[in-house]
Every structure is written in C-alpha cells, then in structure tokens.
Amino acid sequence: PNCVTFNELIGATIRTNHDGVWALVNEMRSCGVSPNQVTCCILLKNIQPNSRSSDVEKTFAVVNALEDMDEVLLSSAYEACIRVGRF
C-alpha cells in the first residue's frame, strides 16, 4: 500500500472509528509510509469541539512531524485550533 491507499482508508474510517484511525496511522508507519499533508488535512478536518483531547494531541503530533507545511495545511491547522478553542 502507498500513501494514497492509507489516506483513503483513514478518510473512510475516521467518521466511525477514532481508534481505528490511529491503528491505520500506526500501520502506515510500520509499512514505511509516512503521513503526508493530505493525511494531516484528513485528520485535522475531523477535529471538532467534542473531539477527545488525545485525538487532538495525536493529530497535531502527526502535523508537527511533517518537514514542510504549505498554506492549505497551515489553514487547516488554524481552523482545527479555532474549532477546539486552542489558539
């Protein structure tokens, strides 16, 4: 599998199984595939005011691990912070 495959799986799983998402992110890494900006945007779009704080922390850990951030990802990160009141 490649990053596109994992991003599709994460996008399909994220709405119903938060723990499953993190299992997929871990599986992604164990397959030698690093999360990319698309992966981060998928994770960030799911951050809502009622999100578990562990999900918020894990999401931002994935974002912070990226080497570069474009304006789309930066905007997604700001929006997620505003939604959860962390700005």
PDB file of N, CA and C in Angstrom:
ATOM      1  N   PRO A   1       0.831  -1.206   0.000  1.00  0.00           N
ATOM      2  CA  PRO A   1       0.000   0.000   0.000  1.00  0.00           C
ATOM      3  C   PRO A   1       0.867   1.257   0.000  1.00  0.00           C
ATOM      4  N   ASN A   2       0.302   2.324  -0.518  1.00  0.00           N
ATOM      5  CA  ASN A   2       1.014   3.597  -0.549  1.00  0.00           C
ATOM      6  C   ASN A   2       0.225   4.645   0.241  1.00  0.00           C
ATOM      7  N   CYS A   3       0.696   5.870   0.202  1.00  0.00           N
ATOM      8  CA  CYS A   3       0.075   6.937   0.985  1.00  0.00           C
ATOM      9  C   CYS A   3      -1.375   7.177   0.550  1.00  0.00           C
ATOM     10  N   VAL A   4      -1.631   7.117  -0.740  1.00  0.00           N
ATOM     11  CA  VAL A   4      -2.992   7.331  -1.247  1.00  0.00           C
ATOM     12  C   VAL A   4      -3.932   6.267  -0.680  1.00  0.00           C
ATOM     13  N   THR A   5      -3.490   5.026  -0.683  1.00  0.00           N
ATOM     14  CA  THR A   5      -4.300   3.931  -0.146  1.00  0.00           C
ATOM     15  C   THR A   5      -4.627   4.170   1.322  1.00  0.00           C
ATOM     16  N   PHE A   6      -3.608   4.492   2.100  1.00  0.00           N
ATOM     17  CA  PHE A   6      -3.841   4.738   3.521  1.00  0.00           C
ATOM     18  C   PHE A   6      -4.721   5.958   3.749  1.00  0.00           C
ATOM     19  N   ASN A   7      -4.544   7.021   2.960  1.00  0.00           N
ATOM     20  CA  ASN A   7      -5.378   8.208   3.120  1.00  0.00           C
ATOM     21  C   ASN A   7      -6.845   7.885   2.853  1.00  0.00           C
ATOM     22  N   GLU A   8      -7.098   7.057   1.846  1.00  0.00           N
ATOM     23  CA  GLU A   8      -8.474   6.647   1.558  1.00  0.00           C
ATOM     24  C   GLU A   8      -9.052   5.843   2.726  1.00  0.00           C
ATOM     25  N   LEU A   9      -8.269   4.922   3.257  1.00  0.00           N
ATOM     26  CA  LEU A   9      -8.727   4.115   4.393  1.00  0.00           C
ATOM     27  C   LEU A   9      -8.975   4.983   5.632  1.00  0.00           C
ATOM     28  N   ILE A  10      -8.079   5.906   5.884  1.00  0.00           N
ATOM     29  CA  ILE A  10      -8.234   6.804   7.037  1.00  0.00           C
ATOM     30  C   ILE A  10      -9.481   7.663   6.860  1.00  0.00           C
ATOM     31  N   GLY A  11      -9.674   8.210   5.659  1.00  0.00           N
ATOM     32  CA  GLY A  11     -10.845   9.040   5.391  1.00  0.00           C
ATOM     33  C   GLY A  11     -12.149   8.280   5.567  1.00  0.00           C
ATOM     34  N   ALA A  12     -12.162   7.025   5.179  1.00  0.00           N
ATOM     35  CA  ALA A  12     -13.368   6.203   5.304  1.00  0.00           C
ATOM     36  C   ALA A  12     -13.614   5.776   6.752  1.00  0.00           C
ATOM     37  N   THR A  13     -12.558   5.629   7.525  1.00  0.00           N
ATOM     38  CA  THR A  13     -12.660   5.123   8.895  1.00  0.00           C
ATOM     39  C   THR A  13     -12.921   6.230   9.908  1.00  0.00           C
ATOM     40  N   ILE A  14     -12.464   7.424   9.623  1.00  0.00           N
ATOM     41  CA  ILE A  14     -12.413   8.484  10.636  1.00  0.00           C
ATOM     42  C   ILE A  14     -13.774   8.868  11.203  1.00  0.00           C
ATOM     43  N   ARG A  15     -14.818   8.724  10.445  1.00  0.00           N
ATOM     44  CA  ARG A  15     -16.135   9.151  10.914  1.00  0.00           C
ATOM     45  C   ARG A  15     -16.753   8.188  11.929  1.00  0.00           C
ATOM     46  N   THR A  16     -16.303   6.950  11.933  1.00  0.00           N
ATOM     47  CA  THR A  16     -16.970   5.960  12.783  1.00  0.00           C
ATOM     48  C   THR A  16     -16.063   5.286  13.808  1.00  0.00           C
ATOM     49  N   ASN A  17     -14.759   5.363  13.630  1.00  0.00           N
ATOM     50  CA  ASN A  17     -13.882   4.576  14.485  1.00  0.00           C
ATOM     51  C   ASN A  17     -12.577   5.325  14.743  1.00  0.00           C
ATOM     52  N   HIS A  18     -12.590   6.188  15.758  1.00  0.00           N
ATOM     53  CA  HIS A  18     -11.402   7.002  16.046  1.00  0.00           C
ATOM     54  C   HIS A  18     -10.184   6.150  16.369  1.00  0.00           C
ATOM     55  N   ASP A  19     -10.383   5.089  17.129  1.00  0.00           N
ATOM     56  CA  ASP A  19      -9.253   4.232  17.470  1.00  0.00           C
ATOM     57  C   ASP A  19      -8.726   3.510  16.237  1.00  0.00           C
ATOM     58  N   GLY A  20      -9.624   3.162  15.329  1.00  0.00           N
ATOM     59  CA  GLY A  20      -9.226   2.519  14.080  1.00  0.00           C
ATOM     60  C   GLY A  20      -8.357   3.419  13.226  1.00  0.00           C
ATOM     61  N   VAL A  21      -8.610   4.708  13.296  1.00  0.00           N
ATOM     62  CA  VAL A  21      -7.798   5.669  12.545  1.00  0.00           C
ATOM     63  C   VAL A  21      -6.355   5.616  13.024  1.00  0.00           C
ATOM     64  N   TRP A  22      -6.167   5.590  14.335  1.00  0.00           N
ATOM     65  CA  TRP A  22      -4.807   5.586  14.873  1.00  0.00           C
ATOM     66  C   TRP A  22      -4.121   4.262  14.614  1.00  0.00           C
ATOM     67  N   ALA A  23      -4.894   3.191  14.562  1.00  0.00           N
ATOM     68  CA  ALA A  23      -4.320   1.896  14.177  1.00  0.00           C
ATOM     69  C   ALA A  23      -3.840   1.949  12.730  1.00  0.00           C
ATOM     70  N   LEU A  24      -4.613   2.620  11.867  1.00  0.00           N
ATOM     71  CA  LEU A  24      -4.198   2.775  10.469  1.00  0.00           C
ATOM     72  C   LEU A  24      -2.960   3.653  10.334  1.00  0.00           C
ATOM     73  N   VAL A  25      -2.906   4.728  11.100  1.00  0.00           N
ATOM     74  CA  VAL A  25      -1.721   5.603  11.056  1.00  0.00           C
ATOM     75  C   VAL A  25      -0.492   4.812  11.506  1.00  0.00           C
ATOM     76  N   ASN A  26      -0.646   4.002  12.554  1.00  0.00           N
ATOM     77  CA  ASN A  26       0.474   3.174  13.019  1.00  0.00           C
ATOM     78  C   ASN A  26       0.858   2.131  11.975  1.00  0.00           C
ATOM     79  N   GLU A  27      -0.145   1.524  11.346  1.00  0.00           N
ATOM     80  CA  GLU A  27       0.126   0.537  10.294  1.00  0.00           C
ATOM     81  C   GLU A  27       0.828   1.200   9.112  1.00  0.00           C
ATOM     82  N   MET A  28       0.397   2.405   8.791  1.00  0.00           N
ATOM     83  CA  MET A  28       1.007   3.181   7.707  1.00  0.00           C
ATOM     84  C   MET A  28       2.509   3.330   7.975  1.00  0.00           C
ATOM     85  N   ARG A  29       2.819   3.747   9.170  1.00  0.00           N
ATOM     86  CA  ARG A  29       4.221   3.946   9.545  1.00  0.00           C
ATOM     87  C   ARG A  29       5.004   2.630   9.539  1.00  0.00           C
ATOM     88  N   SER A  30       4.367   1.561  10.016  1.00  0.00           N
ATOM     89  CA  SER A  30       5.070   0.275  10.065  1.00  0.00           C
ATOM     90  C   SER A  30       5.327  -0.284   8.669  1.00  0.00           C
ATOM     91  N   CYS A  31       4.556   0.177   7.691  1.00  0.00           N
ATOM     92  CA  CYS A  31       4.780  -0.221   6.291  1.00  0.00           C
ATOM     93  C   CYS A  31       5.804   0.684   5.603  1.00  0.00           C
ATOM     94  N   GLY A  32       6.369   1.622   6.362  1.00  0.00           N
ATOM     95  CA  GLY A  32       7.363   2.525   5.802  1.00  0.00           C
ATOM     96  C   GLY A  32       6.769   3.682   5.019  1.00  0.00           C
ATOM     97  N   VAL A  33       5.476   3.935   5.228  1.00  0.00           N
ATOM     98  CA  VAL A  33       4.795   5.037   4.542  1.00  0.00           C
ATOM     99  C   VAL A  33       4.567   6.145   5.559  1.00  0.00           C
ATOM    100  N   SER A  34       5.081   7.316   5.279  1.00  0.00           N
ATOM    101  CA  SER A  34       4.922   8.446   6.191  1.00  0.00           C
ATOM    102  C   SER A  34       3.649   9.218   5.870  1.00  0.00           C
ATOM    103  N   PRO A  35       2.936   9.675   6.901  1.00  0.00           N
ATOM    104  CA  PRO A  35       1.797  10.548   6.659  1.00  0.00           C
ATOM    105  C   PRO A  35       2.254  11.789   5.900  1.00  0.00           C
ATOM    106  N   ASN A  36       1.429  12.251   4.975  1.00  0.00           N
ATOM    107  CA  ASN A  36       1.764  13.447   4.212  1.00  0.00           C
ATOM    108  C   ASN A  36       0.769  14.562   4.530  1.00  0.00           C
ATOM    109  N   GLN A  37       0.831  15.630   3.773  1.00  0.00           N
ATOM    110  CA  GLN A  37      -0.052  16.766   4.030  1.00  0.00           C
ATOM    111  C   GLN A  37      -1.518  16.401   3.864  1.00  0.00           C
ATOM    112  N   VAL A  38      -1.823  15.525   2.927  1.00  0.00           N
ATOM    113  CA  VAL A  38      -3.211  15.084   2.737  1.00  0.00           C
ATOM    114  C   VAL A  38      -3.681  14.313   3.967  1.00  0.00           C
ATOM    115  N   THR A  39      -2.840  13.434   4.469  1.00  0.00           N
ATOM    116  CA  THR A  39      -3.168  12.684   5.684  1.00  0.00           C
ATOM    117  C   THR A  39      -3.495  13.648   6.824  1.00  0.00           C
ATOM    118  N   CYS A  40      -2.659  14.651   6.980  1.00  0.00           N
ATOM    119  CA  CYS A  40      -2.862  15.630   8.050  1.00  0.00           C
ATOM    120  C   CYS A  40      -4.162  16.406   7.867  1.00  0.00           C
ATOM    121  N   CYS A  41      -4.467  16.805   6.645  1.00  0.00           N
ATOM    122  CA  CYS A  41      -5.712  17.532   6.389  1.00  0.00           C
ATOM    123  C   CYS A  41      -6.922  16.666   6.716  1.00  0.00           C
ATOM    124  N   ILE A  42      -6.862  15.378   6.383  1.00  0.00           N
ATOM    125  CA  ILE A  42      -7.957  14.461   6.721  1.00  0.00           C
ATOM    126  C   ILE A  42      -8.135  14.400   8.236  1.00  0.00           C
ATOM    127  N   LEU A  43      -7.044  14.248   8.957  1.00  0.00           N
ATOM    128  CA  LEU A  43      -7.107  14.176  10.417  1.00  0.00           C
ATOM    129  C   LEU A  43      -7.596  15.490  11.020  1.00  0.00           C
ATOM    130  N   LEU A  44      -7.116  16.612  10.498  1.00  0.00           N
ATOM    131  CA  LEU A  44      -7.492  17.928  11.034  1.00  0.00           C
ATOM    132  C   LEU A  44      -8.958  18.249  10.797  1.00  0.00           C
ATOM    133  N   LYS A  45      -9.498  17.850   9.659  1.00  0.00           N
ATOM    134  CA  LYS A  45     -10.906  18.140   9.373  1.00  0.00           C
ATOM    135  C   LYS A  45     -11.832  17.427  10.340  1.00  0.00           C
ATOM    136  N   ASN A  46     -11.376  16.363  10.953  1.00  0.00           N
ATOM    137  CA  ASN A  46     -12.197  15.622  11.891  1.00  0.00           C
ATOM    138  C   ASN A  46     -12.162  16.197  13.304  1.00  0.00           C
ATOM    139  N   ILE A  47     -11.273  17.124  13.580  1.00  0.00           N
ATOM    140  CA  ILE A  47     -11.184  17.731  14.908  1.00  0.00           C
ATOM    141  C   ILE A  47     -12.383  18.658  15.111  1.00  0.00           C
ATOM    142  N   GLN A  48     -13.155  18.349  16.134  1.00  0.00           N
ATOM    143  CA  GLN A  48     -14.368  19.102  16.453  1.00  0.00           C
ATOM    144  C   GLN A  48     -14.353  19.457  17.936  1.00  0.00           C
ATOM    145  N   PRO A  49     -15.251  20.372  18.372  1.00  0.00           N
ATOM    146  CA  PRO A  49     -15.273  20.747  19.790  1.00  0.00           C
ATOM    147  C   PRO A  49     -15.435  19.558  20.742  1.00  0.00           C
ATOM    148  N   ASN A  50     -16.090  18.498  20.294  1.00  0.00           N
ATOM    149  CA  ASN A  50     -16.296  17.347  21.166  1.00  0.00           C
ATOM    150  C   ASN A  50     -15.243  16.254  20.966  1.00  0.00           C
ATOM    151  N   SER A  51     -14.196  16.544  20.222  1.00  0.00           N
ATOM    152  CA  SER A  51     -13.128  15.564  19.995  1.00  0.00           C
ATOM    153  C   SER A  51     -12.398  15.259  21.295  1.00  0.00           C
ATOM    154  N   ARG A  52     -11.975  14.021  21.418  1.00  0.00           N
ATOM    155  CA  ARG A  52     -11.182  13.647  22.594  1.00  0.00           C
ATOM    156  C   ARG A  52      -9.852  14.396  22.532  1.00  0.00           C
ATOM    157  N   SER A  53      -9.402  14.827  23.676  1.00  0.00           N
ATOM    158  CA  SER A  53      -8.145  15.564  23.683  1.00  0.00           C
ATOM    159  C   SER A  53      -6.991  14.704  23.221  1.00  0.00           C
ATOM    160  N   SER A  54      -7.057  13.402  23.433  1.00  0.00           N
ATOM    161  CA  SER A  54      -5.998  12.520  22.945  1.00  0.00           C
ATOM    162  C   SER A  54      -5.968  12.504  21.408  1.00  0.00           C
ATOM    163  N   ASP A  55      -7.143  12.590  20.773  1.00  0.00           N
ATOM    164  CA  ASP A  55      -7.186  12.643  19.311  1.00  0.00           C
ATOM    165  C   ASP A  55      -6.598  13.951  18.793  1.00  0.00           C
ATOM    166  N   VAL A  56      -6.895  15.041  19.501  1.00  0.00           N
ATOM    167  CA  VAL A  56      -6.348  16.346  19.111  1.00  0.00           C
ATOM    168  C   VAL A  56      -4.824  16.315  19.226  1.00  0.00           C
ATOM    169  N   GLU A  57      -4.323  15.804  20.334  1.00  0.00           N
ATOM    170  CA  GLU A  57      -2.872  15.743  20.553  1.00  0.00           C
ATOM    171  C   GLU A  57      -2.189  14.853  19.513  1.00  0.00           C
ATOM    172  N   LYS A  58      -2.767  13.696  19.254  1.00  0.00           N
ATOM    173  CA  LYS A  58      -2.185  12.787  18.268  1.00  0.00           C
ATOM    174  C   LYS A  58      -2.179  13.413  16.880  1.00  0.00           C
ATOM    175  N   THR A  59      -3.264  14.109  16.548  1.00  0.00           N
ATOM    176  CA  THR A  59      -3.349  14.754  15.233  1.00  0.00           C
ATOM    177  C   THR A  59      -2.251  15.795  15.080  1.00  0.00           C
ATOM    178  N   PHE A  60      -2.085  16.637  16.095  1.00  0.00           N
ATOM    179  CA  PHE A  60      -1.062  17.671  15.990  1.00  0.00           C
ATOM    180  C   PHE A  60       0.346  17.096  16.052  1.00  0.00           C
ATOM    181  N   ALA A  61       0.521  15.949  16.676  1.00  0.00           N
ATOM    182  CA  ALA A  61       1.829  15.287  16.648  1.00  0.00           C
ATOM    183  C   ALA A  61       2.166  14.846  15.221  1.00  0.00           C
ATOM    184  N   VAL A  62       1.164  14.344  14.498  1.00  0.00           N
ATOM    185  CA  VAL A  62       1.376  13.946  13.098  1.00  0.00           C
ATOM    186  C   VAL A  62       1.703  15.182  12.260  1.00  0.00           C
ATOM    187  N   VAL A  63       0.955  16.262  12.465  1.00  0.00           N
ATOM    188  CA  VAL A  63       1.198  17.511  11.715  1.00  0.00           C
ATOM    189  C   VAL A  63       2.595  18.041  12.012  1.00  0.00           C
ATOM    190  N   ASN A  64       2.978  18.070  13.272  1.00  0.00           N
ATOM    191  CA  ASN A  64       4.289  18.607  13.652  1.00  0.00           C
ATOM    192  C   ASN A  64       5.452  17.772  13.141  1.00  0.00           C
ATOM    193  N   ALA A  65       5.201  16.516  12.846  1.00  0.00           N
ATOM    194  CA  ALA A  65       6.263  15.639  12.347  1.00  0.00           C
ATOM    195  C   ALA A  65       6.581  15.886  10.869  1.00  0.00           C
ATOM    196  N   LEU A  66       5.718  16.606  10.168  1.00  0.00           N
ATOM    197  CA  LEU A  66       5.978  16.902   8.754  1.00  0.00           C
ATOM    198  C   LEU A  66       7.155  17.854   8.618  1.00  0.00           C
ATOM    199  N   GLU A  67       7.906  17.661   7.562  1.00  0.00           N
ATOM    200  CA  GLU A  67       9.058  18.532   7.329  1.00  0.00           C
ATOM    201  C   GLU A  67       8.651  19.887   6.765  1.00  0.00           C
ATOM    202  N   ASP A  68       7.605  19.911   5.954  1.00  0.00           N
ATOM    203  CA  ASP A  68       7.170  21.190   5.383  1.00  0.00           C
ATOM    204  C   ASP A  68       5.661  21.298   5.451  1.00  0.00           C
ATOM    205  N   MET A  69       5.200  22.526   5.564  1.00  0.00           N
ATOM    206  CA  MET A  69       3.778  22.806   5.674  1.00  0.00           C
ATOM    207  C   MET A  69       3.428  23.891   4.667  1.00  0.00           C
ATOM    208  N   ASP A  70       2.459  23.600   3.811  1.00  0.00           N
ATOM    209  CA  ASP A  70       2.019  24.616   2.860  1.00  0.00           C
ATOM    210  C   ASP A  70       0.872  25.416   3.471  1.00  0.00           C
ATOM    211  N   GLU A  71       0.395  26.407   2.722  1.00  0.00           N
ATOM    212  CA  GLU A  71      -0.647  27.295   3.246  1.00  0.00           C
ATOM    213  C   GLU A  71      -1.975  26.570   3.461  1.00  0.00           C
ATOM    214  N   VAL A  72      -2.256  25.532   2.689  1.00  0.00           N
ATOM    215  CA  VAL A  72      -3.502  24.781   2.863  1.00  0.00           C
ATOM    216  C   VAL A  72      -3.476  24.029   4.194  1.00  0.00           C
ATOM    217  N   LEU A  73      -2.372  23.365   4.476  1.00  0.00           N
ATOM    218  CA  LEU A  73      -2.251  22.639   5.737  1.00  0.00           C
ATOM    219  C   LEU A  73      -2.231  23.600   6.921  1.00  0.00           C
ATOM    220  N   LEU A  74      -1.537  24.702   6.783  1.00  0.00           N
ATOM    221  CA  LEU A  74      -1.497  25.699   7.852  1.00  0.00           C
ATOM    222  C   LEU A  74      -2.901  26.226   8.142  1.00  0.00           C
ATOM    223  N   SER A  75      -3.654  26.507   7.099  1.00  0.00           N
ATOM    224  CA  SER A  75      -5.034  26.975   7.260  1.00  0.00           C
ATOM    225  C   SER A  75      -5.893  25.909   7.936  1.00  0.00           C
ATOM    226  N   SER A  76      -5.722  24.649   7.551  1.00  0.00           N
ATOM    227  CA  SER A  76      -6.473  23.555   8.181  1.00  0.00           C
ATOM    228  C   SER A  76      -6.128  23.441   9.659  1.00  0.00           C
ATOM    229  N   ALA A  77      -4.861  23.623   9.989  1.00  0.00           N
ATOM    230  CA  ALA A  77      -4.429  23.564  11.390  1.00  0.00           C
ATOM    231  C   ALA A  77      -5.047  24.706  12.194  1.00  0.00           C
ATOM    232  N   TYR A  78      -5.041  25.920  11.626  1.00  0.00           N
ATOM    233  CA  TYR A  78      -5.664  27.058  12.307  1.00  0.00           C
ATOM    234  C   TYR A  78      -7.145  26.810  12.536  1.00  0.00           C
ATOM    235  N   GLU A  79      -7.839  26.323  11.516  1.00  0.00           N
ATOM    236  CA  GLU A  79      -9.274  26.056  11.636  1.00  0.00           C
ATOM    237  C   GLU A  79      -9.548  25.026  12.727  1.00  0.00           C
ATOM    238  N   ALA A  80      -8.748  23.976  12.790  1.00  0.00           N
ATOM    239  CA  ALA A  80      -8.926  22.957  13.825  1.00  0.00           C
ATOM    240  C   ALA A  80      -8.704  23.557  15.216  1.00  0.00           C
ATOM    241  N   CYS A  81      -7.691  24.386  15.352  1.00  0.00           N
ATOM    242  CA  CYS A  81      -7.420  25.039  16.638  1.00  0.00           C
ATOM    243  C   CYS A  81      -8.591  25.915  17.058  1.00  0.00           C
ATOM    244  N   ILE A  82      -9.147  26.652  16.129  1.00  0.00           N
ATOM    245  CA  ILE A  82     -10.282  27.524  16.431  1.00  0.00           C
ATOM    246  C   ILE A  82     -11.487  26.684  16.834  1.00  0.00           C
ATOM    247  N   ARG A  83     -11.742  25.581  16.130  1.00  0.00           N
ATOM    248  CA  ARG A  83     -12.894  24.737  16.457  1.00  0.00           C
ATOM    249  C   ARG A  83     -12.826  24.184  17.863  1.00  0.00           C
ATOM    250  N   VAL A  84     -11.625  23.875  18.343  1.00  0.00           N
ATOM    251  CA  VAL A  84     -11.496  23.290  19.686  1.00  0.00           C
ATOM    252  C   VAL A  84     -11.074  24.335  20.736  1.00  0.00           C
ATOM    253  N   GLY A  85     -10.987  25.575  20.334  1.00  0.00           N
ATOM    254  CA  GLY A  85     -10.646  26.640  21.275  1.00  0.00           C
ATOM    255  C   GLY A  85      -9.209  26.666  21.716  1.00  0.00           C
ATOM    256  N   ARG A  86      -8.307  26.220  20.833  1.00  0.00           N
ATOM    257  CA  ARG A  86      -6.866  26.214  21.153  1.00  0.00           C
ATOM    258  C   ARG A  86      -6.153  27.133  20.182  1.00  0.00           C
ATOM    259  N   PHE A  87      -6.161  28.399  20.473  1.00  0.00           N
ATOM    260  CA  PHE A  87      -5.485  29.334  19.573  1.00  0.00           C
ATOM    261  C   PHE A  87      -4.636  30.297  20.342  1.00  0.00           C
TER     262      PHE A  87
END
